[in-house]
Amino acid sequence: MKRFHKAMSMLRYSFIAMLSAFVLCGQSTAAPSPSPSVVEKPQAPETASYTLSELVTLALRHTPLLESLGARAEEKRLSARQAGSWPSPSVDVEAGRKSEAGTSGRRYGASVSQPLPLLGKPGLRGERLNLDVESWQTRQSASERSVALTVVQLAYEYAVNRRKAEYAQERQKRFQLIESYMAGRVFASPQRRTESRIVRNRLKILSAEALQSHAAFKATLEKMRVYLPLGPGSYPVIEVPWLSGNRGLDQKEWLAKALDRNPDLRIQQLEMKGAQVDRTIAAREGWPDPSFIASYEQARTVDTEKNVGMGIGLALPPWNLNRSAVRSAEKKITAEERLLAFQRQEISAEISRTLAEYEASRQVVLTYPKNQMAEQETQLREAEGGFRRGQVDLLTFLELDSSAAEAFSSTVESQDNLVSKIADIWRLSGEENLPAQITSF
């Protein structure tokens, strides 16, 4: 009797192994393994294919924000030109009658007054507005870099989310095959019933992950439409280089670049210079400019009387010589200087923090090299073969699939995270043309 039960038990496990092998044979032909590349395959009819440089060029041509900032700079430039010009002369003309000894006659006269800005106030006002011009030009350049860096980040985010959505769909198909095999079958063994429940639960989780991944992919595409003229319903192919993580960055070098070329610091330096010019203007406002005056008057009564005169007009200075305005401008200088010092401290701390985060992201990329996904594909194929031969049970294969999915997610997300840190460093340091240098990372 014991021999009979033992023979039946061996027959039952052999039967289960054969069924499991049948499932994975169908699975291996229906669910292709992921390709170890960041260059994405199309998910819908494609409309265009872009490189990073092409995307950035397209975004810079089609972002109205940059045109707005350019118009602001031109507005300030024209205002500075007008403010630096001399004031126009004033002309007074009068006419009437003059009576003298019972005789009346016509009387008329004219005078011209030309202010003489000998204290240089128009030039100072023009200089002040020229600082605003430079400030808006700095904003425009910083916005151009920001748009370019944002597009680079979105390109990697788009590629990563698209690949994650495809990978989730591939895993979902694999588990749908297993679930279709288990549906309607009753497993007397608690082990087999547990496996069936695990597969069903895993399929529900994968369905939710696929929906979330697809939503994230479409959301990234919509964010790109802010900067790029992409047609509705289009899914462009975006070629993004794979980052190897081999380039380390020297903290002293990039700290010096940030303190020298950071656009926010440059704008604050211009604000401080503007406050100094405002102080000079306030001091000179306490002294009025002279005016050149020329007049001509003619009246006819008994005799014709003519009067011609020229002179200099000078208004009296205000009693306090504009002292309060001068002290106000001095306080503004102090405020701008302190703010500049604080911003320098802030930029120093931020670039140091970002470089530390960059180094951590770079080490993660080194941990997940490009060829790792190909190795995982090989490991999954080996596990499939072992499962078909009854050498690997279902739960072990499920565990391998789960760990492979986690490794895949970490691999592609490490690319996105590293690009994000590179973009942050580029923003802080005012560096130019990231697409041309991205392959060095």
Protein backbone atom coordinates (compact mmCIF):
# COMPACT_ATOMS: atom_id res chain seq x y z
CA MET A 1 0.00 0.00 0.00
CA LYS A 2 2.80 2.46 0.81
CA ARG A 3 4.39 1.74 -2.55
CA PHE A 4 1.05 2.40 -4.23
CA HIS A 5 0.62 5.80 -2.50
CA LYS A 6 4.20 6.74 -3.31
CA ALA A 7 3.69 5.87 -6.97
CA MET A 8 0.48 7.94 -7.09
CA SER A 9 2.21 10.91 -5.46
CA MET A 10 5.04 10.81 -8.00
CA LEU A 11 2.54 10.56 -10.82
CA ARG A 12 0.60 13.58 -9.49
CA TYR A 13 3.71 15.81 -9.26
CA SER A 14 4.85 14.73 -12.72
CA PHE A 15 1.45 15.69 -14.09
CA ILE A 16 1.63 19.14 -12.43
CA ALA A 17 5.15 19.71 -13.77
CA MET A 18 3.98 18.87 -17.30
CA LEU A 19 1.11 21.36 -17.06
CA SER A 20 3.42 24.06 -15.69
CA ALA A 21 5.87 23.47 -18.54
CA PHE A 22 3.02 23.80 -21.03
CA VAL A 23 2.10 27.17 -19.51
CA LEU A 24 5.62 28.60 -19.71
CA CYS A 25 6.14 27.35 -23.27
CA GLY A 26 3.17 29.49 -24.32
CA GLN A 27 4.42 32.28 -22.11
CA SER A 28 7.92 32.39 -23.59
CA THR A 29 6.56 32.83 -27.12
CA ALA A 30 3.94 35.43 -26.24
CA ALA A 31 5.88 37.79 -23.97
CA PRO A 32 9.18 39.12 -25.42
CA SER A 33 11.84 40.17 -22.99
CA PRO A 34 12.60 43.86 -22.58
CA SER A 35 15.31 45.42 -24.73
CA PRO A 36 18.20 47.05 -22.82
CA SER A 37 17.96 50.44 -24.49
CA VAL A 38 16.64 53.83 -23.54
CA VAL A 39 15.69 54.52 -27.17
CA GLU A 40 11.97 53.80 -27.09
CA LYS A 41 9.86 51.74 -29.42
CA PRO A 42 6.67 53.31 -30.78
CA GLN A 43 3.46 52.57 -28.95
CA ALA A 44 1.18 54.25 -31.45
CA PRO A 45 1.47 55.50 -35.03
CA GLU A 46 4.48 57.78 -34.98
CA THR A 47 4.51 61.32 -36.30
CA ALA A 48 8.17 62.26 -35.92
CA SER A 49 11.53 61.22 -34.52
CA TYR A 50 13.73 63.63 -32.59
CA THR A 51 17.14 63.83 -31.03
CA LEU A 52 17.75 65.91 -27.92
CA SER A 53 19.33 68.74 -29.91
CA GLU A 54 16.39 68.82 -32.32
CA LEU A 55 13.91 68.93 -29.45
CA VAL A 56 15.73 71.81 -27.76
CA THR A 57 15.98 73.81 -30.99
CA LEU A 58 12.28 73.27 -31.66
CA ALA A 59 11.35 74.32 -28.12
CA LEU A 60 13.41 77.52 -28.27
CA ARG A 61 11.61 78.50 -31.48
CA HIS A 62 8.11 77.78 -30.18
CA THR A 63 8.11 79.02 -26.58
CA PRO A 64 6.29 82.39 -26.34
CA LEU A 65 7.82 83.05 -22.92
CA LEU A 66 11.20 83.74 -24.52
CA GLU A 67 9.68 86.22 -26.96
CA SER A 68 7.99 87.96 -24.03
CA LEU A 69 11.28 88.35 -22.18
CA GLY A 70 12.96 89.62 -25.33
CA ALA A 71 10.23 92.22 -25.73
CA ARG A 72 10.71 93.27 -22.09
CA ALA A 73 14.43 93.81 -22.68
CA GLU A 74 13.71 95.86 -25.81
CA GLU A 75 11.14 97.90 -23.91
CA LYS A 76 13.73 98.81 -21.27
CA ARG A 77 16.36 99.56 -23.91
CA LEU A 78 14.10 102.06 -25.67
CA SER A 79 13.11 103.61 -22.34
CA ALA A 80 16.80 103.99 -21.44
CA ARG A 81 17.49 105.73 -24.74
CA GLN A 82 14.66 108.18 -24.12
CA ALA A 83 15.60 108.79 -20.48
CA GLY A 84 19.17 109.68 -21.46
CA SER A 85 18.18 112.38 -23.93
CA TRP A 86 18.16 116.10 -23.08
CA PRO A 87 14.82 117.64 -22.07
CA SER A 88 12.98 119.60 -24.76
CA PRO A 89 12.90 123.41 -24.64
CA SER A 90 9.75 125.27 -23.68
CA VAL A 91 8.35 128.17 -25.74
CA ASP A 92 6.04 130.87 -24.41
CA VAL A 93 4.15 133.18 -26.80
CA GLU A 94 1.90 136.02 -25.68
CA ALA A 95 -0.03 138.81 -27.44
CA GLY A 96 -2.13 141.76 -26.26
CA ARG A 97 -2.34 145.53 -26.27
CA LYS A 98 -0.37 148.21 -24.52
CA SER A 99 -1.74 151.65 -23.51
CA GLU A 100 0.49 154.67 -22.87
CA ALA A 101 -0.56 158.34 -22.57
CA GLY A 102 -3.96 157.63 -24.06
CA THR A 103 -2.48 155.75 -26.98
CA SER A 104 -3.04 152.04 -27.43
CA GLY A 105 -1.17 149.64 -29.62
CA ARG A 106 -0.42 145.99 -30.21
CA ARG A 107 1.95 144.12 -27.98
CA TYR A 108 3.41 140.64 -28.45
CA GLY A 109 6.35 138.66 -27.21
CA ALA A 110 8.01 135.24 -27.16
CA SER A 111 10.47 133.48 -24.88
CA VAL A 112 12.39 130.22 -25.09
CA SER A 113 13.68 128.27 -22.12
CA GLN A 114 16.11 125.36 -22.51
CA PRO A 115 16.94 123.30 -19.38
CA LEU A 116 20.63 122.55 -19.09
CA PRO A 117 21.17 119.17 -17.38
CA LEU A 118 24.72 120.01 -16.38
CA LEU A 119 24.55 117.65 -13.38
CA GLY A 120 24.12 114.63 -15.67
CA LYS A 121 20.72 113.50 -14.39
CA PRO A 122 19.43 112.25 -17.77
CA GLY A 123 22.57 110.18 -18.26
CA LEU A 124 22.18 108.66 -14.80
CA ARG A 125 18.53 107.80 -15.47
CA GLY A 126 19.53 106.19 -18.73
CA GLU A 127 22.29 104.27 -16.95
CA ARG A 128 19.78 103.05 -14.39
CA LEU A 129 17.45 101.76 -17.08
CA ASN A 130 20.36 100.17 -18.93
CA LEU A 131 20.93 98.06 -15.83
CA ASP A 132 17.31 96.96 -16.12
CA VAL A 133 17.97 96.10 -19.77
CA GLU A 134 20.89 93.89 -18.75
CA SER A 135 18.78 92.33 -16.02
CA TRP A 136 16.02 91.38 -18.47
CA GLN A 137 18.58 90.08 -20.95
CA THR A 138 20.00 87.90 -18.16
CA ARG A 139 16.49 86.65 -17.42
CA GLN A 140 15.97 85.86 -21.08
CA SER A 141 19.24 83.89 -21.31
CA ALA A 142 18.44 82.05 -18.08
CA SER A 143 14.95 81.21 -19.38
CA GLU A 144 16.40 79.88 -22.63
CA ARG A 145 18.71 77.61 -20.64
CA SER A 146 15.84 76.61 -18.36
CA VAL A 147 13.62 75.69 -21.32
CA ALA A 148 16.43 73.65 -22.87
CA LEU A 149 17.13 71.82 -19.59
CA THR A 150 13.44 71.21 -18.95
CA VAL A 151 13.04 69.71 -22.42
CA VAL A 152 16.04 67.42 -21.81
CA GLN A 153 14.56 66.28 -18.50
CA LEU A 154 11.14 65.70 -20.05
CA ALA A 155 12.71 63.74 -22.92
CA TYR A 156 14.29 61.30 -20.46
CA GLU A 157 11.14 61.18 -18.35
CA TYR A 158 9.13 60.47 -21.51
CA ALA A 159 11.50 57.68 -22.56
CA VAL A 160 11.56 56.11 -19.10
CA ASN A 161 7.80 56.24 -18.57
CA ARG A 162 7.16 54.87 -22.03
CA ARG A 163 9.52 51.95 -21.48
CA LYS A 164 8.01 51.25 -18.06
CA ALA A 165 4.53 51.22 -19.61
CA GLU A 166 5.67 48.71 -22.26
CA TYR A 167 7.37 46.55 -19.67
CA ALA A 168 4.26 46.54 -17.46
CA GLN A 169 2.18 45.42 -20.43
CA GLU A 170 4.65 42.63 -21.19
CA ARG A 171 4.49 41.35 -17.62
CA GLN A 172 0.71 41.62 -17.65
CA LYS A 173 0.50 39.44 -20.77
CA ARG A 174 2.76 36.86 -19.14
CA PHE A 175 0.56 36.58 -16.06
CA GLN A 176 -2.61 36.56 -18.12
CA LEU A 177 -1.38 33.35 -19.73
CA ILE A 178 -0.75 31.82 -16.33
CA GLU A 179 -4.11 33.04 -15.03
CA SER A 180 -5.95 31.60 -18.04
CA TYR A 181 -4.39 28.24 -17.33
CA MET A 182 -5.41 28.34 -13.68
CA ALA A 183 -8.92 29.63 -14.26
CA GLY A 184 -11.55 26.95 -13.74
CA ARG A 185 -9.11 24.44 -12.34
CA VAL A 186 -9.48 23.15 -8.81
CA PHE A 187 -6.25 22.39 -6.96
CA ALA A 188 -6.74 20.06 -4.08
CA SER A 189 -3.31 20.83 -2.68
CA PRO A 190 -3.13 23.92 -0.40
CA GLN A 191 0.18 24.74 -2.12
CA ARG A 192 -1.46 24.85 -5.56
CA ARG A 193 -4.45 26.87 -4.32
CA THR A 194 -2.04 29.35 -2.78
CA GLU A 195 -0.13 29.62 -6.05
CA SER A 196 -3.38 30.26 -7.93
CA ARG A 197 -4.33 33.07 -5.54
CA ILE A 198 -0.85 34.61 -5.79
CA VAL A 199 -1.08 34.68 -9.59
CA ARG A 200 -4.54 36.29 -9.52
CA ASN A 201 -3.44 38.92 -7.01
CA ARG A 202 -0.27 39.58 -8.98
CA LEU A 203 -2.32 40.06 -12.15
CA LYS A 204 -4.51 42.68 -10.45
CA ILE A 205 -1.44 44.53 -9.21
CA LEU A 206 0.10 44.44 -12.68
CA SER A 207 -3.10 45.75 -14.23
CA ALA A 208 -3.02 48.73 -11.87
CA GLU A 209 0.69 49.29 -12.54
CA ALA A 210 0.10 49.20 -16.28
CA LEU A 211 -2.64 51.82 -15.99
CA GLN A 212 -0.47 54.05 -13.81
CA SER A 213 2.56 53.68 -16.10
CA HIS A 214 0.51 54.52 -19.18
CA ALA A 215 -1.00 57.54 -17.42
CA ALA A 216 2.47 58.75 -16.39
CA PHE A 217 3.71 58.33 -19.97
CA LYS A 218 0.79 60.36 -21.37
CA ALA A 219 1.16 62.99 -18.64
CA THR A 220 4.81 63.51 -19.58
CA LEU A 221 3.79 63.91 -23.21
CA GLU A 222 1.30 66.61 -22.22
CA LYS A 223 3.99 68.44 -20.25
CA MET A 224 6.16 68.42 -23.34
CA ARG A 225 3.41 70.09 -25.35
CA VAL A 226 3.95 73.25 -23.28
CA TYR A 227 7.28 73.70 -25.07
CA LEU A 228 6.91 71.67 -28.27
CA PRO A 229 4.38 71.85 -31.12
CA LEU A 230 3.40 68.17 -30.98
CA GLY A 231 0.21 67.21 -32.75
CA PRO A 232 -2.71 65.71 -30.78
CA GLY A 233 -2.56 61.94 -30.44
CA SER A 234 1.05 61.76 -31.63
CA TYR A 235 3.68 59.65 -29.88
CA PRO A 236 7.06 60.83 -31.18
CA VAL A 237 10.18 58.69 -31.02
CA ILE A 238 12.75 60.46 -28.86
CA GLU A 239 16.32 59.23 -28.95
CA VAL A 240 18.09 59.82 -25.65
CA PRO A 241 21.66 58.65 -25.01
CA TRP A 242 22.33 56.11 -22.29
CA LEU A 243 24.26 57.62 -19.38
CA SER A 244 27.15 55.50 -18.16
CA GLY A 245 27.81 57.42 -14.91
CA ASN A 246 31.55 57.60 -15.57
CA ARG A 247 31.97 61.39 -15.27
CA GLY A 248 32.70 62.75 -11.82
CA LEU A 249 32.44 66.48 -11.07
CA ASP A 250 34.91 68.52 -9.05
CA GLN A 251 33.15 70.51 -6.32
CA LYS A 252 35.58 73.47 -6.30
CA GLU A 253 35.35 73.89 -10.07
CA TRP A 254 31.56 73.89 -10.19
CA LEU A 255 31.23 76.03 -7.07
CA ALA A 256 33.40 78.68 -8.74
CA LYS A 257 31.28 78.47 -11.89
CA ALA A 258 28.06 78.87 -9.92
CA LEU A 259 29.29 81.90 -7.97
CA ASP A 260 30.60 83.52 -11.16
CA ARG A 261 27.82 82.74 -13.66
CA ASN A 262 24.66 81.98 -11.72
CA PRO A 263 21.90 84.10 -13.32
CA ASP A 264 20.15 84.88 -10.03
CA LEU A 265 23.39 86.21 -8.58
CA ARG A 266 23.99 88.26 -11.71
CA ILE A 267 20.53 89.80 -11.49
CA GLN A 268 21.07 90.63 -7.82
CA GLN A 269 24.43 92.25 -8.62
CA LEU A 270 22.65 94.45 -11.16
CA GLU A 271 20.04 95.35 -8.53
CA MET A 272 22.82 96.41 -6.19
CA LYS A 273 24.42 98.56 -8.90
CA GLY A 274 21.03 100.05 -9.63
CA ALA A 275 20.62 100.99 -5.98
CA GLN A 276 23.98 102.76 -6.09
CA VAL A 277 22.90 104.71 -9.17
CA ASP A 278 19.61 105.58 -7.44
CA ARG A 279 21.58 107.01 -4.55
CA THR A 280 23.60 109.23 -6.92
CA ILE A 281 20.43 110.41 -8.64
CA ALA A 282 18.77 111.19 -5.29
CA ALA A 283 21.80 113.27 -4.24
CA ARG A 284 21.75 115.27 -7.47
CA GLU A 285 18.00 115.77 -7.32
CA GLY A 286 18.67 118.07 -4.36
CA TRP A 287 20.25 120.56 -6.76
CA PRO A 288 18.13 121.94 -9.61
CA ASP A 289 19.46 122.22 -13.13
CA PRO A 290 19.89 125.71 -14.65
CA SER A 291 17.97 126.84 -17.72
CA PHE A 292 18.98 129.08 -20.61
CA ILE A 293 16.34 131.74 -21.32
CA ALA A 294 15.97 134.00 -24.38
CA SER A 295 13.09 136.46 -24.84
CA TYR A 296 11.82 139.03 -27.37
CA GLU A 297 9.04 141.55 -26.80
CA GLN A 298 7.63 144.28 -29.04
CA ALA A 299 4.93 146.87 -28.33
CA ARG A 300 3.64 149.79 -30.46
CA THR A 301 2.02 152.83 -28.87
CA VAL A 302 3.40 156.31 -29.60
CA ASP A 303 6.69 154.71 -30.51
CA THR A 304 7.68 151.18 -31.21
CA GLU A 305 9.35 149.52 -28.23
CA LYS A 306 11.44 146.39 -28.54
CA ASN A 307 12.98 144.32 -25.73
CA VAL A 308 15.43 141.48 -26.25
CA GLY A 309 16.97 139.53 -23.42
CA MET A 310 18.93 136.39 -22.54
CA GLY A 311 19.81 134.89 -19.22
CA ILE A 312 20.17 131.88 -16.95
CA GLY A 313 17.35 130.67 -14.74
CA LEU A 314 18.13 128.73 -11.60
CA ALA A 315 15.51 127.36 -9.26
CA LEU A 316 16.26 127.45 -5.57
CA PRO A 317 17.28 124.05 -4.10
CA PRO A 318 14.89 122.43 -1.64
CA TRP A 319 15.49 123.27 2.00
CA ASN A 320 16.68 119.74 2.97
CA LEU A 321 18.58 118.99 -0.30
CA ASN A 322 16.60 115.73 -0.73
CA ARG A 323 18.38 114.21 2.28
CA SER A 324 15.61 111.73 3.12
CA ALA A 325 15.62 110.33 -0.41
CA VAL A 326 19.41 109.99 -0.22
CA ARG A 327 19.23 108.10 3.08
CA SER A 328 16.45 105.91 1.64
CA ALA A 329 18.69 105.03 -1.33
CA GLU A 330 21.56 104.23 1.05
CA LYS A 331 19.34 101.81 2.97
CA LYS A 332 18.39 100.19 -0.30
CA ILE A 333 22.07 99.70 -1.13
CA THR A 334 22.60 98.02 2.24
CA ALA A 335 19.57 95.79 1.68
CA GLU A 336 20.72 94.71 -1.78
CA GLU A 337 24.27 94.03 -0.56
CA ARG A 338 23.01 91.84 2.30
CA LEU A 339 20.65 90.02 -0.03
CA LEU A 340 23.50 89.36 -2.48
CA ALA A 341 25.66 87.97 0.35
CA PHE A 342 22.83 85.68 1.44
CA GLN A 343 22.19 84.48 -2.11
CA ARG A 344 25.87 83.64 -2.50
CA GLN A 345 25.68 81.53 0.66
CA GLU A 346 22.49 79.93 -0.60
CA ILE A 347 23.97 79.12 -4.01
CA SER A 348 27.12 77.69 -2.40
CA ALA A 349 25.06 75.38 -0.20
CA GLU A 350 22.73 74.42 -3.05
CA ILE A 351 25.50 73.56 -5.51
CA SER A 352 27.28 71.50 -2.83
CA ARG A 353 24.06 69.65 -2.03
CA THR A 354 23.27 69.07 -5.70
CA LEU A 355 26.78 67.78 -6.41
CA ALA A 356 26.43 65.33 -3.51
CA GLU A 357 23.10 64.14 -4.90
CA TYR A 358 24.62 63.91 -8.36
CA GLU A 359 27.43 61.71 -7.06
CA ALA A 360 24.89 59.42 -5.36
CA SER A 361 22.82 59.20 -8.57
CA ARG A 362 25.99 58.51 -10.57
CA GLN A 363 26.91 55.62 -8.26
CA VAL A 364 23.41 54.19 -8.69
CA VAL A 365 23.82 54.33 -12.47
CA LEU A 366 27.13 52.51 -12.12
CA THR A 367 25.31 49.88 -10.03
CA TYR A 368 22.76 49.36 -12.82
CA PRO A 369 24.76 49.31 -16.08
CA LYS A 370 23.18 49.03 -19.50
CA ASN A 371 24.04 45.35 -19.99
CA GLN A 372 22.24 44.36 -16.77
CA MET A 373 18.88 44.20 -18.50
CA ALA A 374 20.30 41.76 -21.04
CA GLU A 375 21.63 39.64 -18.17
CA GLN A 376 18.20 39.66 -16.52
CA GLU A 377 16.65 38.56 -19.80
CA THR A 378 19.05 35.63 -19.91
CA GLN A 379 18.29 34.74 -16.29
CA LEU A 380 14.55 34.73 -16.99
CA ARG A 381 15.02 32.45 -20.01
CA GLU A 382 17.09 30.06 -17.90
CA ALA A 383 14.41 30.07 -15.21
CA GLU A 384 11.76 29.35 -17.83
CA GLY A 385 13.74 26.37 -19.07
CA GLY A 386 14.18 25.11 -15.53
CA PHE A 387 10.49 25.52 -14.85
CA ARG A 388 9.57 23.59 -18.03
CA ARG A 389 11.80 20.75 -16.86
CA GLY A 390 10.26 20.79 -13.39
CA GLN A 391 13.51 22.00 -11.81
CA VAL A 392 12.09 25.40 -10.73
CA ASP A 393 8.72 25.70 -9.04
CA LEU A 394 6.18 28.42 -9.84
CA LEU A 395 6.74 30.49 -6.69
CA THR A 396 10.49 30.66 -7.34
CA PHE A 397 9.87 31.82 -10.89
CA LEU A 398 7.41 34.46 -9.64
CA GLU A 399 10.02 35.71 -7.19
CA LEU A 400 12.60 35.97 -9.96
CA ASP A 401 10.13 37.87 -12.15
CA SER A 402 9.41 40.30 -9.32
CA SER A 403 13.10 40.94 -8.61
CA ALA A 404 13.79 41.38 -12.33
CA ALA A 405 10.98 43.95 -12.55
CA GLU A 406 12.38 45.87 -9.57
CA ALA A 407 15.85 45.84 -11.10
CA PHE A 408 14.46 47.03 -14.44
CA SER A 409 12.60 49.90 -12.77
CA SER A 410 15.69 50.91 -10.80
CA THR A 411 17.82 50.79 -13.94
CA VAL A 412 15.67 53.10 -16.07
CA GLU A 413 14.79 55.41 -13.17
CA SER A 414 18.48 55.85 -12.37
CA GLN A 415 18.89 57.41 -15.81
CA ASP A 416 16.06 59.86 -15.16
CA ASN A 417 17.39 60.77 -11.71
CA LEU A 418 20.92 61.40 -12.99
CA VAL A 419 19.66 63.66 -15.79
CA SER A 420 17.63 65.61 -13.23
CA LYS A 421 20.73 66.27 -11.12
CA ILE A 422 22.79 67.24 -14.16
CA ALA A 423 20.10 69.74 -15.17
CA ASP A 424 20.08 71.22 -11.66
CA ILE A 425 23.85 71.71 -11.79
CA TRP A 426 23.58 73.31 -15.22
CA ARG A 427 20.92 75.76 -13.95
CA LEU A 428 22.96 76.75 -10.92
CA SER A 429 26.22 77.21 -12.83
CA GLY A 430 24.79 78.94 -15.90
CA GLU A 431 26.39 76.30 -18.12
CA GLU A 432 25.38 76.15 -21.80
CA ASN A 433 24.35 73.45 -24.31
CA LEU A 434 23.71 70.33 -22.26
CA PRO A 435 22.53 68.18 -25.24
CA ALA A 436 26.00 68.42 -26.79
CA GLN A 437 27.67 67.25 -23.56
CA ILE A 438 25.14 64.74 -22.26
CA THR A 439 26.96 61.76 -23.76
CA SER A 440 30.00 62.52 -21.55
CA PHE A 441 27.99 61.60 -18.48
